[in-house]
Protein backbone atom coordinates (compact mmCIF):
# COMPACT_ATOMS: atom_id res chain seq x y z
CA MET A 1 117.42 205.92 -72.51
CA LYS A 2 115.62 205.35 -75.91
CA LYS A 3 118.13 202.43 -76.87
CA THR A 4 117.48 200.82 -73.57
CA VAL A 5 113.78 200.91 -74.06
CA ILE A 6 114.10 199.43 -77.51
CA ARG A 7 116.35 196.50 -76.24
CA ILE A 8 113.81 195.68 -73.51
CA PHE A 9 111.05 195.78 -76.05
CA ALA A 10 113.01 193.52 -78.41
CA MET A 11 113.57 191.03 -75.51
CA LEU A 12 109.95 190.89 -74.63
CA LEU A 13 109.20 190.00 -78.23
CA VAL A 14 111.61 187.09 -78.14
CA ILE A 15 110.05 185.90 -74.87
CA LEU A 16 106.51 186.12 -76.26
CA SER A 17 107.50 184.45 -79.39
CA ILE A 18 109.02 181.46 -77.49
CA ALA A 19 105.96 181.13 -75.18
CA SER A 20 103.69 181.18 -78.34
CA MET A 21 105.63 178.47 -79.98
CA LEU A 22 105.54 176.27 -76.80
CA THR A 23 101.73 176.94 -76.45
CA SER A 24 101.05 176.14 -80.09
CA CYS A 25 103.16 172.67 -79.73
CA GLY A 26 101.26 171.79 -76.55
CA GLY A 27 104.51 170.15 -75.37
CA SER A 28 104.20 167.74 -78.38
CA LYS A 29 101.26 166.02 -76.61
CA LYS A 30 98.71 164.44 -78.77
CA LYS A 31 95.20 165.89 -78.27
CA LYS A 32 92.26 163.86 -76.90
CA PRO A 33 90.40 162.18 -79.77
CA SER A 34 86.66 162.58 -80.18
CA GLY A 35 84.50 159.56 -80.58
CA SER A 36 84.74 156.02 -79.21
CA VAL A 37 86.82 155.01 -76.28
CA MET A 38 90.37 153.46 -77.17
CA THR A 39 90.93 149.94 -75.98
CA VAL A 40 94.15 148.76 -74.38
CA ARG A 41 94.38 144.98 -74.65
CA CYS A 42 95.98 142.92 -71.79
CA ALA A 43 96.71 139.20 -72.25
CA VAL A 44 96.85 137.15 -69.06
CA ILE A 45 98.92 134.01 -68.74
CA CYS A 46 98.31 131.63 -65.90
CA PRO A 47 97.39 127.88 -65.17
CA VAL A 48 93.76 127.23 -66.33
CA THR A 49 94.27 123.53 -66.29
CA GLY A 50 96.86 121.25 -64.59
CA PRO A 51 97.75 121.08 -60.89
CA GLY A 52 97.59 124.85 -60.56
CA ALA A 53 94.23 125.22 -62.24
CA ARG A 54 92.66 127.26 -59.34
CA THR A 55 95.03 130.06 -60.04
CA ALA A 56 92.84 131.13 -62.97
CA ILE A 57 89.91 131.32 -60.70
CA THR A 58 91.72 133.49 -58.23
CA GLU A 59 93.18 135.59 -61.02
CA GLU A 60 89.69 136.27 -62.35
CA ALA A 61 88.64 137.22 -58.83
CA SER A 62 91.53 139.72 -58.41
CA ILE A 63 91.20 141.25 -61.92
CA SER A 64 87.33 141.60 -61.60
CA ALA A 65 87.84 143.33 -58.32
CA ALA A 66 90.50 145.78 -59.85
CA GLU A 67 88.09 146.45 -62.79
CA GLN A 68 85.18 147.29 -60.39
CA HIS A 69 87.16 149.51 -58.09
CA MET A 70 88.92 151.44 -60.84
CA LYS A 71 85.47 152.03 -62.46
CA GLU A 72 84.04 153.20 -59.05
CA ASP A 73 86.94 155.54 -58.58
CA ASN A 74 86.97 156.72 -62.15
CA PHE A 75 90.65 156.04 -61.97
CA LEU A 76 91.51 155.50 -65.64
CA ASP A 77 91.33 158.39 -68.10
CA PRO A 78 87.89 158.04 -69.66
CA ALA A 79 89.47 158.12 -73.15
CA TYR A 80 90.68 154.62 -72.54
CA GLU A 81 89.34 151.23 -71.37
CA ILE A 82 91.41 148.09 -70.43
CA GLU A 83 90.32 144.89 -71.92
CA PHE A 84 91.67 141.84 -69.91
CA ILE A 85 91.41 139.28 -72.79
CA ARG A 86 89.26 136.24 -71.66
CA PRO A 87 89.63 133.29 -71.51
CA PHE A 88 92.98 133.72 -70.03
CA ILE A 89 95.94 131.83 -71.75
CA ASP A 90 96.68 128.48 -70.22
CA ASP A 91 100.38 127.69 -69.41
CA GLU A 92 99.16 124.44 -67.74
CA ASP A 93 101.45 125.10 -64.75
CA SER A 94 104.25 123.60 -66.93
CA PRO A 95 107.58 125.00 -67.93
CA ASP A 96 107.46 123.12 -71.16
CA LYS A 97 103.96 124.85 -72.09
CA ALA A 98 104.89 128.14 -70.83
CA PRO A 99 106.64 129.36 -74.06
CA VAL A 100 103.68 128.04 -76.17
CA ALA A 101 101.35 130.12 -73.99
CA ALA A 102 103.76 133.17 -74.38
CA ASN A 103 103.70 132.87 -78.10
CA LEU A 104 99.77 132.51 -78.16
CA ALA A 105 99.59 135.76 -76.04
CA ILE A 106 101.96 137.63 -78.54
CA SER A 107 99.75 136.33 -81.37
CA MET A 108 96.76 138.17 -79.91
CA ASP A 109 98.58 141.47 -80.41
CA PRO A 110 98.16 142.77 -76.82
CA HIS A 111 99.50 146.11 -75.66
CA VAL A 112 100.65 144.69 -72.40
CA VAL A 113 100.74 141.12 -70.64
CA ILE A 114 100.29 139.91 -67.02
CA GLY A 115 102.59 137.02 -67.01
CA SER A 116 103.07 133.70 -65.23
CA HIS A 117 103.44 133.13 -61.51
CA LYS A 118 106.73 131.12 -61.61
CA THR A 119 110.17 132.58 -62.29
CA VAL A 120 111.15 129.49 -64.28
CA PHE A 121 108.26 130.24 -66.79
CA ILE A 122 109.27 133.93 -67.15
CA MET A 123 112.77 132.83 -67.69
CA ALA A 124 111.73 130.34 -70.36
CA TYR A 125 109.87 133.09 -72.39
CA GLY A 126 111.00 136.53 -71.33
CA GLU A 127 113.25 136.96 -74.39
CA LEU A 128 110.18 136.52 -76.67
CA TYR A 129 108.65 139.72 -75.18
CA GLU A 130 111.98 141.65 -75.69
CA GLU A 131 111.94 140.64 -79.35
CA ALA A 132 108.07 141.46 -79.73
CA GLU A 133 108.56 144.69 -77.71
CA ILE A 134 105.42 144.07 -75.54
CA PRO A 135 105.63 145.07 -71.79
CA ILE A 136 105.02 142.19 -69.44
CA ILE A 137 104.35 142.18 -65.71
CA GLY A 138 105.56 139.00 -64.19
CA ILE A 139 103.69 137.93 -60.97
CA ILE A 140 106.95 136.43 -59.70
CA SER A 141 109.53 137.20 -56.98
CA GLY A 142 112.73 135.17 -58.21
CA PRO A 143 115.63 137.55 -58.88
CA ALA A 144 117.01 136.02 -62.09
CA PRO A 145 114.92 138.07 -64.50
CA ALA A 146 116.62 141.26 -62.91
CA GLU A 147 119.91 139.88 -64.14
CA GLN A 148 118.98 139.56 -67.87
CA GLY A 149 118.97 143.27 -68.88
CA TRP A 150 115.37 142.98 -70.18
CA LYS A 151 113.75 146.34 -70.99
CA TRP A 152 110.11 145.17 -71.34
CA PHE A 153 109.88 143.11 -68.17
CA HIS A 154 108.54 144.43 -65.01
CA TYR A 155 108.19 142.78 -61.52
CA GLY A 156 104.80 142.36 -59.89
CA THR A 157 106.31 142.33 -56.42
CA CYS A 158 109.49 142.59 -54.54
CA THR A 159 112.20 139.89 -55.18
CA ASP A 160 112.86 136.89 -52.94
CA ALA A 161 116.23 138.47 -52.14
CA ASP A 162 114.48 141.65 -50.90
CA ALA A 163 111.82 139.59 -48.95
CA GLY A 164 114.68 137.66 -47.25
CA ALA A 165 116.31 140.84 -46.16
CA THR A 166 113.25 141.99 -44.39
CA LEU A 167 112.88 138.44 -42.83
CA ALA A 168 116.37 138.52 -41.63
CA GLU A 169 115.77 141.97 -39.96
CA TYR A 170 112.72 140.70 -38.14
CA LEU A 171 114.29 137.40 -36.97
CA ALA A 172 117.49 139.05 -35.72
CA ASN A 173 116.47 142.48 -34.52
CA VAL A 174 112.77 141.85 -33.38
CA LYS A 175 112.74 138.15 -32.26
CA GLY A 176 116.46 138.28 -31.15
CA PHE A 177 117.41 134.88 -32.47
CA LYS A 178 121.17 133.89 -32.50
CA ASN A 179 121.00 130.30 -33.50
CA ILE A 180 119.13 129.67 -36.82
CA LEU A 181 118.96 126.67 -39.12
CA VAL A 182 118.39 127.66 -42.75
CA MET A 183 116.86 125.23 -45.09
CA ALA A 184 116.79 126.01 -48.72
CA ARG A 185 115.19 124.41 -51.79
CA ASN A 186 117.97 123.48 -54.15
CA ASP A 187 116.82 125.56 -57.06
CA GLU A 188 117.50 129.24 -58.10
CA GLY A 189 114.67 130.71 -56.15
CA GLY A 190 115.44 128.72 -52.88
CA LYS A 191 119.14 129.28 -52.93
CA VAL A 192 119.22 132.86 -53.92
CA GLY A 193 116.64 133.86 -51.28
CA ALA A 194 118.37 131.79 -48.51
CA LYS A 195 121.78 133.50 -49.43
CA ALA A 196 120.22 136.89 -49.09
CA VAL A 197 118.79 135.98 -45.67
CA ILE A 198 122.10 134.73 -44.54
CA GLU A 199 124.04 137.70 -45.74
CA LYS A 200 121.63 140.00 -43.91
CA LEU A 201 121.57 137.83 -40.65
CA GLU A 202 125.38 138.34 -40.66
CA GLU A 203 124.96 142.05 -41.01
CA TYR A 204 122.87 141.87 -37.84
CA GLY A 205 125.48 139.85 -36.05
CA VAL A 206 123.88 136.47 -36.47
CA ALA A 207 126.29 133.91 -38.08
CA VAL A 208 125.04 131.05 -40.05
CA PRO A 209 127.88 128.54 -40.19
CA ALA A 210 128.06 125.69 -42.73
CA ASP A 211 126.35 123.14 -40.55
CA HIS A 212 123.43 125.59 -39.91
CA TYR A 213 122.55 125.41 -43.80
CA MET A 214 120.92 122.48 -45.56
CA GLU A 215 119.27 122.13 -48.98
CA PHE A 216 116.24 119.99 -49.80
CA ALA A 217 115.01 118.65 -53.16
CA THR A 218 111.83 120.30 -54.79
CA ASP A 219 110.10 116.88 -54.32
CA GLU A 220 111.32 116.20 -50.87
CA THR A 221 108.86 114.48 -48.57
CA ASP A 222 110.98 113.26 -45.64
CA PHE A 223 112.49 116.06 -43.30
CA ALA A 224 113.60 113.82 -40.39
CA ALA A 225 117.36 114.50 -41.18
CA TYR A 226 116.64 118.31 -41.02
CA ALA A 227 114.81 117.82 -37.62
CA MET A 228 117.73 115.92 -36.34
CA ARG A 229 120.02 118.74 -37.26
CA ALA A 230 117.91 121.25 -35.61
CA LYS A 231 117.95 119.14 -32.37
CA GLU A 232 121.73 118.49 -32.59
CA LEU A 233 122.25 122.33 -32.94
CA GLN A 234 119.58 123.22 -30.42
CA VAL A 235 118.39 126.04 -32.70
CA ASP A 236 116.09 128.83 -31.78
CA CYS A 237 114.51 129.01 -35.18
CA VAL A 238 114.09 126.75 -38.31
CA LEU A 239 113.76 128.98 -41.34
CA THR A 240 112.72 127.24 -44.61
CA TYR A 241 113.25 128.97 -48.00
CA GLY A 242 111.05 127.54 -50.87
CA LEU A 243 109.03 125.11 -48.83
CA GLY A 244 105.18 125.18 -48.93
CA GLY A 245 101.95 123.36 -48.83
CA ALA A 246 101.90 119.67 -47.71
CA ALA A 247 105.69 119.58 -47.36
CA ALA A 248 105.75 122.47 -44.99
CA LEU A 249 103.30 120.57 -42.70
CA THR A 250 105.42 117.42 -42.96
CA CYS A 251 108.52 119.36 -41.92
CA TYR A 252 106.57 120.99 -39.08
CA ASP A 253 105.29 117.56 -37.77
CA GLN A 254 108.83 115.91 -37.98
CA ILE A 255 110.47 118.91 -36.12
CA GLU A 256 107.90 118.48 -33.34
CA GLN A 257 108.21 114.60 -33.29
CA ILE A 258 112.10 114.71 -33.16
CA TYR A 259 113.12 117.95 -31.57
CA GLY A 260 110.07 119.32 -29.60
CA PRO A 261 106.91 121.44 -29.78
CA ILE A 262 106.72 124.58 -31.86
CA PRO A 263 107.12 127.33 -30.87
CA ASP A 264 108.24 126.37 -27.40
CA THR A 265 111.36 124.43 -28.50
CA CYS A 266 112.02 126.38 -31.60
CA PHE A 267 110.37 129.02 -34.02
CA TYR A 268 109.02 128.00 -37.48
CA ALA A 269 109.35 130.45 -40.37
CA GLY A 270 109.22 130.35 -44.10
CA SER A 271 109.66 132.35 -47.17
CA THR A 272 106.99 133.88 -49.47
CA SER A 273 105.69 130.35 -50.23
CA PHE A 274 104.33 130.38 -46.75
CA ALA A 275 102.32 133.48 -47.70
CA GLN A 276 99.86 131.30 -49.99
CA PRO A 277 96.33 130.40 -48.98
CA SER A 278 97.29 126.67 -49.29
CA MET A 279 98.99 127.03 -45.91
CA ALA A 280 95.58 127.53 -44.25
CA GLU A 281 94.14 124.65 -46.21
CA MET A 282 97.01 122.28 -45.14
CA PHE A 283 97.75 123.21 -41.55
CA PRO A 284 95.37 122.52 -38.61
CA PRO A 285 94.41 125.85 -36.84
CA ASP A 286 96.61 125.19 -33.80
CA LYS A 287 99.58 124.46 -35.80
CA LEU A 288 98.96 127.42 -38.26
CA GLN A 289 98.97 129.84 -35.45
CA GLY A 290 102.06 131.90 -35.12
CA ILE A 291 103.94 130.82 -38.25
CA ILE A 292 105.65 133.88 -39.91
CA PHE A 293 106.61 134.70 -43.45
CA PRO A 294 107.76 137.80 -45.55
CA SER A 295 105.32 139.12 -48.15
CA ALA A 296 104.58 142.45 -49.91
CA TYR A 297 100.81 141.97 -49.64
CA ILE A 298 99.43 140.97 -46.28
CA HIS A 299 96.04 141.55 -44.49
CA ASP A 300 96.25 144.94 -42.70
CA PRO A 301 92.98 145.85 -41.06
CA ASP A 302 93.90 149.35 -40.65
CA ASN A 303 94.47 149.81 -44.46
CA ASN A 304 91.12 150.56 -46.25
CA PHE A 305 92.60 150.09 -49.59
CA VAL A 306 93.65 146.54 -48.59
CA THR A 307 90.40 145.61 -46.88
CA ARG A 308 88.33 146.81 -49.96
CA PHE A 309 90.26 144.55 -52.13
CA GLU A 310 89.95 141.58 -49.80
CA ASN A 311 86.24 141.93 -49.33
CA GLN A 312 85.58 142.14 -53.01
CA PHE A 313 88.01 139.27 -53.72
CA LYS A 314 86.09 137.08 -51.34
CA GLU A 315 82.91 138.07 -52.96
CA ASN A 316 84.20 137.13 -56.41
CA ASP A 317 85.88 133.92 -55.33
CA PRO A 318 83.49 130.84 -55.62
CA GLU A 319 85.18 129.32 -52.59
CA ASN A 320 85.02 132.64 -50.65
CA GLN A 321 88.53 132.48 -49.45
CA TRP A 322 90.84 135.25 -48.49
CA PRO A 323 93.40 136.51 -51.12
CA GLY A 324 97.06 135.44 -50.81
CA ASP A 325 100.24 137.04 -51.92
CA ASN A 326 99.79 136.15 -55.63
CA GLN A 327 96.37 137.61 -55.67
CA GLY A 328 97.56 140.93 -54.33
CA ARG A 329 100.30 141.08 -57.07
CA VAL A 330 97.67 140.57 -59.77
CA TYR A 331 95.35 143.23 -58.32
CA ASP A 332 98.19 145.75 -58.20
CA ALA A 333 99.29 144.87 -61.77
CA CYS A 334 95.87 145.96 -62.99
CA TRP A 335 96.06 149.31 -61.31
CA ASN A 336 99.65 149.67 -62.39
CA ILE A 337 98.67 149.33 -66.01
CA ALA A 338 95.91 152.07 -65.57
CA ALA A 339 98.30 154.30 -63.76
CA ALA A 340 100.90 154.05 -66.52
CA ILE A 341 98.23 154.98 -69.14
CA ASN A 342 97.26 158.06 -66.99
CA LEU A 343 100.95 159.07 -66.79
CA MET A 344 101.27 158.71 -70.64
CA VAL A 345 98.22 160.90 -71.16
CA GLU A 346 99.61 163.52 -68.76
CA ASN A 347 103.07 163.57 -70.38
CA ASP A 348 102.59 162.41 -73.96
CA GLY A 349 98.92 163.09 -74.61
CA TYR A 350 96.27 160.70 -76.08
CA LEU A 351 98.30 158.00 -78.02
CA ASP A 352 96.05 155.56 -79.90
CA PRO A 353 96.88 152.05 -78.94
CA ASP A 354 96.45 150.58 -82.44
CA LYS A 355 97.40 153.65 -84.64
CA ASP A 356 100.46 155.12 -82.93
CA ASP A 357 103.47 152.96 -83.36
CA ASN A 358 104.99 154.09 -80.26
CA PHE A 359 102.10 153.27 -77.93
CA ARG A 360 103.80 150.19 -76.27
CA GLU A 361 107.09 151.81 -76.08
CA ARG A 362 105.57 154.83 -74.04
CA LEU A 363 103.34 152.56 -71.97
CA ASN A 364 106.48 150.33 -71.09
CA TYR A 365 108.26 153.54 -70.22
CA TRP A 366 105.66 154.89 -67.85
CA LEU A 367 105.17 151.47 -66.21
CA SER A 368 108.94 151.86 -65.34
CA GLN A 369 108.27 155.36 -63.77
CA LEU A 370 105.33 154.35 -61.51
CA GLU A 371 104.95 155.80 -57.96
CA ARG A 372 101.65 154.81 -56.29
CA GLN A 373 100.31 153.08 -53.25
CA GLY A 374 99.03 149.65 -53.82
CA VAL A 375 97.80 146.77 -51.63
CA GLN A 376 101.39 145.60 -51.46
CA GLY A 377 102.62 148.95 -50.07
CA GLU A 378 104.42 151.87 -51.68
CA ILE A 379 105.03 151.07 -55.28
CA ASN A 380 108.00 152.94 -56.71
CA TYR A 381 109.47 151.38 -59.97
CA LYS A 382 111.16 154.51 -60.90
CA TYR A 383 113.43 154.67 -57.81
CA PHE A 384 114.65 151.07 -58.12
CA THR A 385 115.05 151.19 -61.92
CA ASP A 386 117.27 154.21 -61.60
CA THR A 387 119.33 152.87 -58.77
CA ASP A 388 120.02 149.27 -59.78
CA GLY A 389 118.17 148.58 -62.98
CA SER A 390 116.31 145.62 -61.62
CA GLY A 391 112.86 146.92 -62.29
CA ARG A 392 111.66 145.91 -58.79
CA ILE A 393 108.37 147.12 -57.46
CA ILE A 394 109.01 147.41 -53.74
CA LYS A 395 112.34 147.16 -52.01
CA ASN A 396 111.13 145.69 -48.75
CA ALA A 397 108.53 143.17 -47.84
CA ASN A 398 106.30 143.06 -44.74
CA ILE A 399 106.14 140.33 -42.22
CA GLY A 400 102.85 138.42 -41.86
CA GLU A 401 101.89 135.92 -39.12
CA TRP A 402 99.19 133.26 -39.61
CA GLN A 403 96.26 133.17 -37.34
CA SER A 404 94.28 130.01 -36.25
CA SER A 405 91.28 131.58 -38.09
CA GLY A 406 93.11 130.84 -41.35
CA GLN A 407 93.97 134.48 -42.15
CA ALA A 408 97.28 136.05 -42.02
CA VAL A 409 97.88 139.56 -40.61
CA LYS A 410 100.74 142.11 -40.92
CA ILE A 411 102.93 142.22 -37.81
CA TYR A 412 106.07 144.13 -39.10
CA PRO A 413 106.95 146.84 -39.68
CA LYS A 414 104.24 148.45 -37.44
């Protein structure tokens, strides 16, 4: 009996000793420093001049809205602040200038970067951020970066392939279309997205034969041949992938002139390029009404987080416009950075952005582990990173429908 008591006592001493060691280590977390707030610098790359210059204005409206709302909600750990470096770095909306802008951003020694809006730009300079070991959130949907094996790149939205899959589900299962003409812009983004749509349509029993697929040039201005094909095939729906702005309206008009009125004769749908505010600027209200598209962010009057962003964005925007898909991506990117910092504090402690050599590496890691609700929907980087290594933000898009008022609303899924 005495030996048993001694053994139990010895075991208790071992357990208490281990517990004491764990407590004294604090899980290897770095303690909260006293004194001034630590600054996390975020560089922002976007068109400030050139044909896409308004992007910088809308980017400012989105970032300012996020700054205000995170402050109101006391969202970011008070030991930190995020400085979105202004003025923004100008990529001039040019693939030739994008690497110059990327190098300028790196020279500013940021801890994280919100990158360009075009996949071709990210592809031109993504490797620079791998070498510099700086996390970058690309405000893009093209799937090509997912194939590079980059560890420091993060998507700002779902990919075109994922958006196409949701669009196919809606057209086949909800609308019940069986005869669809697919038009794809003849570049990586257009063709990959269209391919994903076609593959998904076939899964739902909707075949897209070779004569139901056509490609168009990025600078195409005449869509008469495409309208003629739609008429010859008597299609239920014309789906364009990679078409937008004035070209989307030209295509619409020529379909009506050659084939018949939309949507009575056939349905008109587009890819994420149809989600941009330029659609409301280009299309007359009667033609805008009813056009659908896939997008992660779409106006949802029943979602308070979404409407809060929209109202603040409109107030910040000099033109008082509703935000579009890209603006929702930027707003979420700001919150994602703050959420990653909070995760880092919770798990690693209070790392100093400028004194701890592993700050960027840990911030990059926690960006890849995010799970939170954003204006684009349920953000879950961790799940998709673990399952396919793509670093996607959201697997499935929503379906939006343009209203004659100039605003798009979410119609699917309910």
